[in-house]
Amino acid sequence: MSAPAEWFRDWFGDAYLELYPHRDEEEAARGVALYRERSGLRAGARVLDLACGAGRHLRRLRAAGLRASGIDLSAPLLRAALGRPGLAGSLVRADMRALPFADTCFDGLVNFFTSFGYFLSPEEDIQVLGEIRRVLRPGAPFLMDYLNAAWVMERLDPESVGEVNGTPVRQTRWVEGDQVFKRIEIGGGAGKPPQVYHERVRLYAPEALRDLLREKGLDMRDRFGNYDGAPFGPDSPRLLMMGRAL
């Protein structure tokens, strides 16, 4: 089994919103609070929410007084973001591999909820890091919210079955090489095939990701294991990397 090269173009649409209608708003608040506390940015600083999705974090960033803009490739997620108060005029549809912004135009950047490692080749991931560095001024604080690869591999659930609003959902997960895959089947039965979507994320070890960041001019200075700022460790489900553009 595999996944389309650019699976994210199909998955992050209406079916995704139906399957995950209410992401955790309190979690978003804690993530933004961690960034605000550790970054030292003042109100009015210009911040980019990279892969902003439906705008959970972007709304919190703007409510905190930051001039935050959101970029995402998914038109359905951006439409959902427009339904949040105060986000009109702050959203841009674009590919993170080629950000439509001038060099050094942002004072900070956040990338929440494992929105990195989606591409078919590692070179494309590195291209994203280069774009992050390009749009940040020297010294600008960044936060990247990624998964703990070892934790994911150790606890991977091969299959789960449930339903959403009466519609059956089957999710299958596996690892191939350095990537973790998910196949999502929604609906089906009575002679009708299910809707099928995919996810694929490259599994970077913390040290490998630190080195890639450094090579592209991004200095990781702190690692956290959750949105409350706990130290990162082997049992942390998440890896939150915070640092500065060199």
Protein backbone atom coordinates (compact mmCIF):
# COMPACT_ATOMS: atom_id res chain seq x y z
CA MET A 1 0.00 0.00 0.00
CA SER A 2 1.08 3.53 -0.62
CA ALA A 3 -0.33 7.04 -1.00
CA PRO A 4 -0.56 9.58 -3.83
CA ALA A 5 2.44 11.87 -4.14
CA GLU A 6 0.39 14.92 -3.11
CA TRP A 7 -2.27 13.24 -0.99
CA PHE A 8 -2.87 16.46 0.98
CA ARG A 9 -4.59 18.09 -2.02
CA ASP A 10 -7.51 15.64 -1.67
CA TRP A 11 -7.59 14.92 2.06
CA PHE A 12 -7.70 18.40 3.58
CA GLY A 13 -11.14 19.17 2.25
CA ASP A 14 -14.76 18.70 3.17
CA ALA A 15 -14.30 15.06 4.25
CA TYR A 16 -11.53 16.09 6.66
CA LEU A 17 -13.74 18.78 8.17
CA GLU A 18 -16.55 16.27 8.61
CA LEU A 19 -14.27 13.73 10.31
CA TYR A 20 -12.66 16.34 12.59
CA PRO A 21 -15.37 18.98 13.04
CA HIS A 22 -14.17 20.33 16.39
CA ARG A 23 -10.45 20.41 16.94
CA ASP A 24 -9.46 21.26 20.49
CA GLU A 25 -9.70 25.02 20.98
CA GLU A 26 -8.17 24.85 24.46
CA GLU A 27 -5.18 23.02 23.00
CA ALA A 28 -4.78 25.80 20.43
CA ALA A 29 -4.89 28.40 23.20
CA ARG A 30 -2.11 26.62 25.11
CA GLY A 31 0.06 26.31 22.00
CA VAL A 32 -0.23 30.00 21.20
CA ALA A 33 0.35 30.94 24.87
CA LEU A 34 3.57 28.89 24.86
CA TYR A 35 4.80 30.69 21.76
CA ARG A 36 3.85 34.12 23.10
CA GLU A 37 5.55 33.48 26.44
CA ARG A 38 8.78 32.05 25.04
CA SER A 39 9.11 34.26 21.95
CA GLY A 40 9.01 37.61 23.71
CA LEU A 41 7.20 39.16 20.75
CA ARG A 42 5.27 42.33 21.45
CA ALA A 43 1.85 43.31 20.16
CA GLY A 44 2.02 44.41 16.56
CA ALA A 45 4.73 41.93 15.55
CA ARG A 46 4.10 40.31 12.19
CA VAL A 47 3.78 36.52 12.50
CA LEU A 48 3.12 33.83 9.89
CA ASP A 49 0.93 30.84 10.76
CA LEU A 50 2.29 28.29 8.28
CA ALA A 51 -0.34 25.69 7.32
CA CYS A 52 -2.99 27.52 9.32
CA GLY A 53 -5.82 25.14 8.38
CA ALA A 54 -9.20 26.26 9.67
CA GLY A 55 -7.67 29.07 11.72
CA ARG A 56 -7.68 27.76 15.31
CA HIS A 57 -4.27 29.13 16.15
CA LEU A 58 -4.45 32.13 13.84
CA ARG A 59 -7.46 33.50 15.68
CA ARG A 60 -5.61 33.18 18.99
CA LEU A 61 -2.50 34.85 17.61
CA ARG A 62 -4.49 37.82 16.36
CA ALA A 63 -6.46 38.06 19.59
CA ALA A 64 -3.10 38.32 21.39
CA GLY A 65 -2.35 41.49 19.44
CA LEU A 66 -0.01 40.02 16.83
CA ARG A 67 -0.36 40.95 13.17
CA ALA A 68 -0.70 37.32 12.17
CA SER A 69 -1.29 36.03 8.65
CA GLY A 70 -2.24 32.47 7.75
CA ILE A 71 -1.20 30.47 4.71
CA ASP A 72 -2.64 27.12 3.65
CA LEU A 73 -3.03 25.20 0.40
CA SER A 74 -6.53 23.91 1.18
CA ALA A 75 -9.36 26.09 -0.11
CA PRO A 76 -11.98 24.28 2.04
CA LEU A 77 -9.96 24.81 5.23
CA LEU A 78 -9.42 28.47 4.38
CA ARG A 79 -13.16 28.87 3.81
CA ALA A 80 -13.75 27.38 7.25
CA ALA A 81 -11.19 29.80 8.69
CA LEU A 82 -13.10 32.72 7.19
CA GLY A 83 -16.01 31.75 9.45
CA ARG A 84 -13.94 32.68 12.50
CA PRO A 85 -14.20 36.26 13.77
CA GLY A 86 -11.41 38.61 12.80
CA LEU A 87 -9.67 36.48 10.17
CA ALA A 88 -10.95 38.19 7.01
CA GLY A 89 -8.04 39.69 5.10
CA SER A 90 -5.42 37.65 6.97
CA LEU A 91 -5.56 34.45 4.89
CA VAL A 92 -3.50 33.46 1.84
CA ARG A 93 -3.79 30.33 -0.26
CA ALA A 94 -0.33 29.12 -1.21
CA ASP A 95 2.09 26.18 -1.21
CA MET A 96 4.60 26.20 1.67
CA ARG A 97 7.32 25.18 -0.78
CA ALA A 98 7.05 28.61 -2.44
CA LEU A 99 5.79 31.25 0.01
CA PRO A 100 4.39 34.37 -1.69
CA PHE A 101 6.09 36.79 0.71
CA ALA A 102 9.13 39.05 0.56
CA ASP A 103 12.41 38.14 2.21
CA THR A 104 12.70 38.84 5.97
CA CYS A 105 9.17 40.26 6.18
CA PHE A 106 8.02 38.34 9.29
CA ASP A 107 8.98 38.84 12.93
CA GLY A 108 8.00 35.28 13.86
CA LEU A 109 6.47 32.04 12.57
CA VAL A 110 4.47 29.11 13.91
CA ASN A 111 3.77 25.74 12.31
CA PHE A 112 1.31 23.80 14.46
CA PHE A 113 -0.15 20.29 14.51
CA THR A 114 2.35 18.24 12.46
CA SER A 115 2.11 20.16 9.20
CA PHE A 116 5.65 19.27 8.14
CA GLY A 117 7.06 16.19 6.40
CA TYR A 118 4.15 15.76 3.99
CA PHE A 119 6.11 15.62 0.76
CA LEU A 120 7.31 12.73 -1.35
CA SER A 121 10.99 13.62 -1.12
CA PRO A 122 13.10 14.90 1.79
CA GLU A 123 14.41 17.60 -0.55
CA GLU A 124 10.93 19.17 -0.61
CA ASP A 125 10.86 19.23 3.18
CA ILE A 126 14.23 20.98 3.14
CA GLN A 127 12.84 23.43 0.59
CA VAL A 128 10.10 24.32 3.10
CA LEU A 129 12.72 25.03 5.78
CA GLY A 130 14.55 27.27 3.33
CA GLU A 131 11.36 29.22 2.69
CA ILE A 132 10.75 29.58 6.42
CA ARG A 133 14.21 31.06 6.87
CA ARG A 134 13.86 33.32 3.85
CA VAL A 135 10.71 35.07 5.09
CA LEU A 136 11.98 35.53 8.67
CA ARG A 137 14.10 38.45 9.78
CA PRO A 138 17.33 37.51 11.60
CA GLY A 139 16.57 36.70 15.22
CA ALA A 140 12.89 36.01 14.57
CA PRO A 141 11.43 33.30 16.86
CA PHE A 142 9.84 30.22 15.31
CA LEU A 143 7.89 27.30 16.76
CA MET A 144 7.43 24.00 14.91
CA ASP A 145 4.97 21.51 16.36
CA TYR A 146 5.90 18.02 15.12
CA LEU A 147 5.35 14.44 16.25
CA ASN A 148 7.75 12.32 18.30
CA ALA A 149 8.73 9.76 15.68
CA ALA A 150 9.83 7.09 18.20
CA TRP A 151 6.61 7.50 20.20
CA VAL A 152 4.50 7.15 17.03
CA MET A 153 6.26 3.98 15.87
CA GLU A 154 6.07 2.37 19.29
CA ARG A 155 2.35 3.03 19.76
CA LEU A 156 1.05 2.83 16.20
CA ASP A 157 -2.49 1.43 16.10
CA PRO A 158 -2.72 -0.62 12.86
CA GLU A 159 -6.49 -0.24 12.53
CA SER A 160 -9.39 1.60 14.09
CA VAL A 161 -13.06 1.47 13.17
CA GLY A 162 -15.75 3.92 14.20
CA GLU A 163 -18.34 6.24 12.79
CA VAL A 164 -19.01 9.96 12.44
CA ASN A 165 -22.61 11.14 12.32
CA GLY A 166 -23.69 7.60 11.51
CA THR A 167 -21.14 7.17 8.71
CA PRO A 168 -18.64 4.32 9.17
CA VAL A 169 -14.97 5.27 9.20
CA ARG A 170 -12.07 2.82 8.98
CA GLN A 171 -8.47 3.98 9.44
CA THR A 172 -5.46 1.81 8.68
CA ARG A 173 -1.93 2.81 9.72
CA TRP A 174 1.50 1.46 8.86
CA VAL A 175 5.15 2.42 8.47
CA GLU A 176 7.20 2.08 5.29
CA GLY A 177 10.83 3.12 5.47
CA ASP A 178 11.02 6.55 7.07
CA GLN A 179 7.35 7.43 6.59
CA VAL A 180 4.14 6.70 8.49
CA PHE A 181 0.99 6.19 6.42
CA LYS A 182 -2.72 6.31 7.08
CA ARG A 183 -5.55 5.15 4.81
CA ILE A 184 -8.97 6.60 5.66
CA GLU A 185 -12.12 4.93 4.33
CA ILE A 186 -15.37 6.82 4.83
CA GLY A 187 -18.80 5.38 4.13
CA GLY A 188 -19.34 2.53 1.72
CA GLY A 189 -21.53 -0.56 2.01
CA ALA A 190 -24.66 -1.70 0.19
CA GLY A 191 -22.64 -2.12 -2.98
CA LYS A 192 -21.10 1.35 -2.80
CA PRO A 193 -17.34 1.81 -2.41
CA PRO A 194 -16.07 4.04 0.42
CA GLN A 195 -14.41 7.40 -0.10
CA VAL A 196 -10.69 6.77 0.30
CA TYR A 197 -8.12 9.31 1.46
CA HIS A 198 -4.50 9.09 2.58
CA GLU A 199 -1.99 10.68 4.91
CA ARG A 200 1.79 10.36 4.82
CA VAL A 201 4.33 11.99 7.14
CA ARG A 202 8.09 11.55 7.13
CA LEU A 203 9.43 10.42 10.51
CA TYR A 204 12.34 12.64 11.47
CA ALA A 205 14.28 11.90 14.65
CA PRO A 206 14.68 15.02 16.82
CA GLU A 207 18.42 15.23 16.23
CA ALA A 208 18.03 14.86 12.46
CA LEU A 209 15.42 17.60 12.35
CA ARG A 210 17.60 19.86 14.51
CA ASP A 211 20.45 19.41 12.05
CA LEU A 212 18.23 20.17 9.04
CA LEU A 213 16.95 23.32 10.71
CA ARG A 214 20.48 24.44 11.46
CA GLU A 215 21.61 23.81 7.87
CA LYS A 216 18.87 26.15 6.64
CA GLY A 217 19.70 28.90 9.13
CA LEU A 218 17.18 28.02 11.86
CA ASP A 219 18.66 27.51 15.31
CA MET A 220 16.56 25.24 17.55
CA ARG A 221 17.17 26.33 21.15
CA ASP A 222 14.37 24.63 23.12
CA ARG A 223 12.39 21.40 22.89
CA PHE A 224 9.07 20.81 24.61
CA GLY A 225 6.98 17.67 24.94
CA ASN A 226 3.58 19.34 25.16
CA TYR A 227 1.81 22.69 24.89
CA ASP A 228 2.36 23.43 28.57
CA GLY A 229 6.12 23.65 28.01
CA ALA A 230 7.10 20.36 29.69
CA PRO A 231 10.60 19.12 28.71
CA PHE A 232 10.76 16.81 25.72
CA GLY A 233 11.48 13.16 26.55
CA PRO A 234 11.08 9.63 25.16
CA ASP A 235 7.45 9.42 26.32
CA SER A 236 6.42 12.79 24.88
CA PRO A 237 3.82 12.36 22.13
CA ARG A 238 4.85 15.65 20.52
CA LEU A 239 8.05 17.48 19.72
CA LEU A 240 7.73 21.26 19.89
CA MET A 241 10.86 22.94 18.61
CA MET A 242 11.48 26.59 19.35
CA GLY A 243 14.35 28.70 18.17
CA ARG A 244 15.52 31.72 16.22
CA ALA A 245 16.39 32.51 12.63
CA LEU A 246 20.13 33.02 12.29
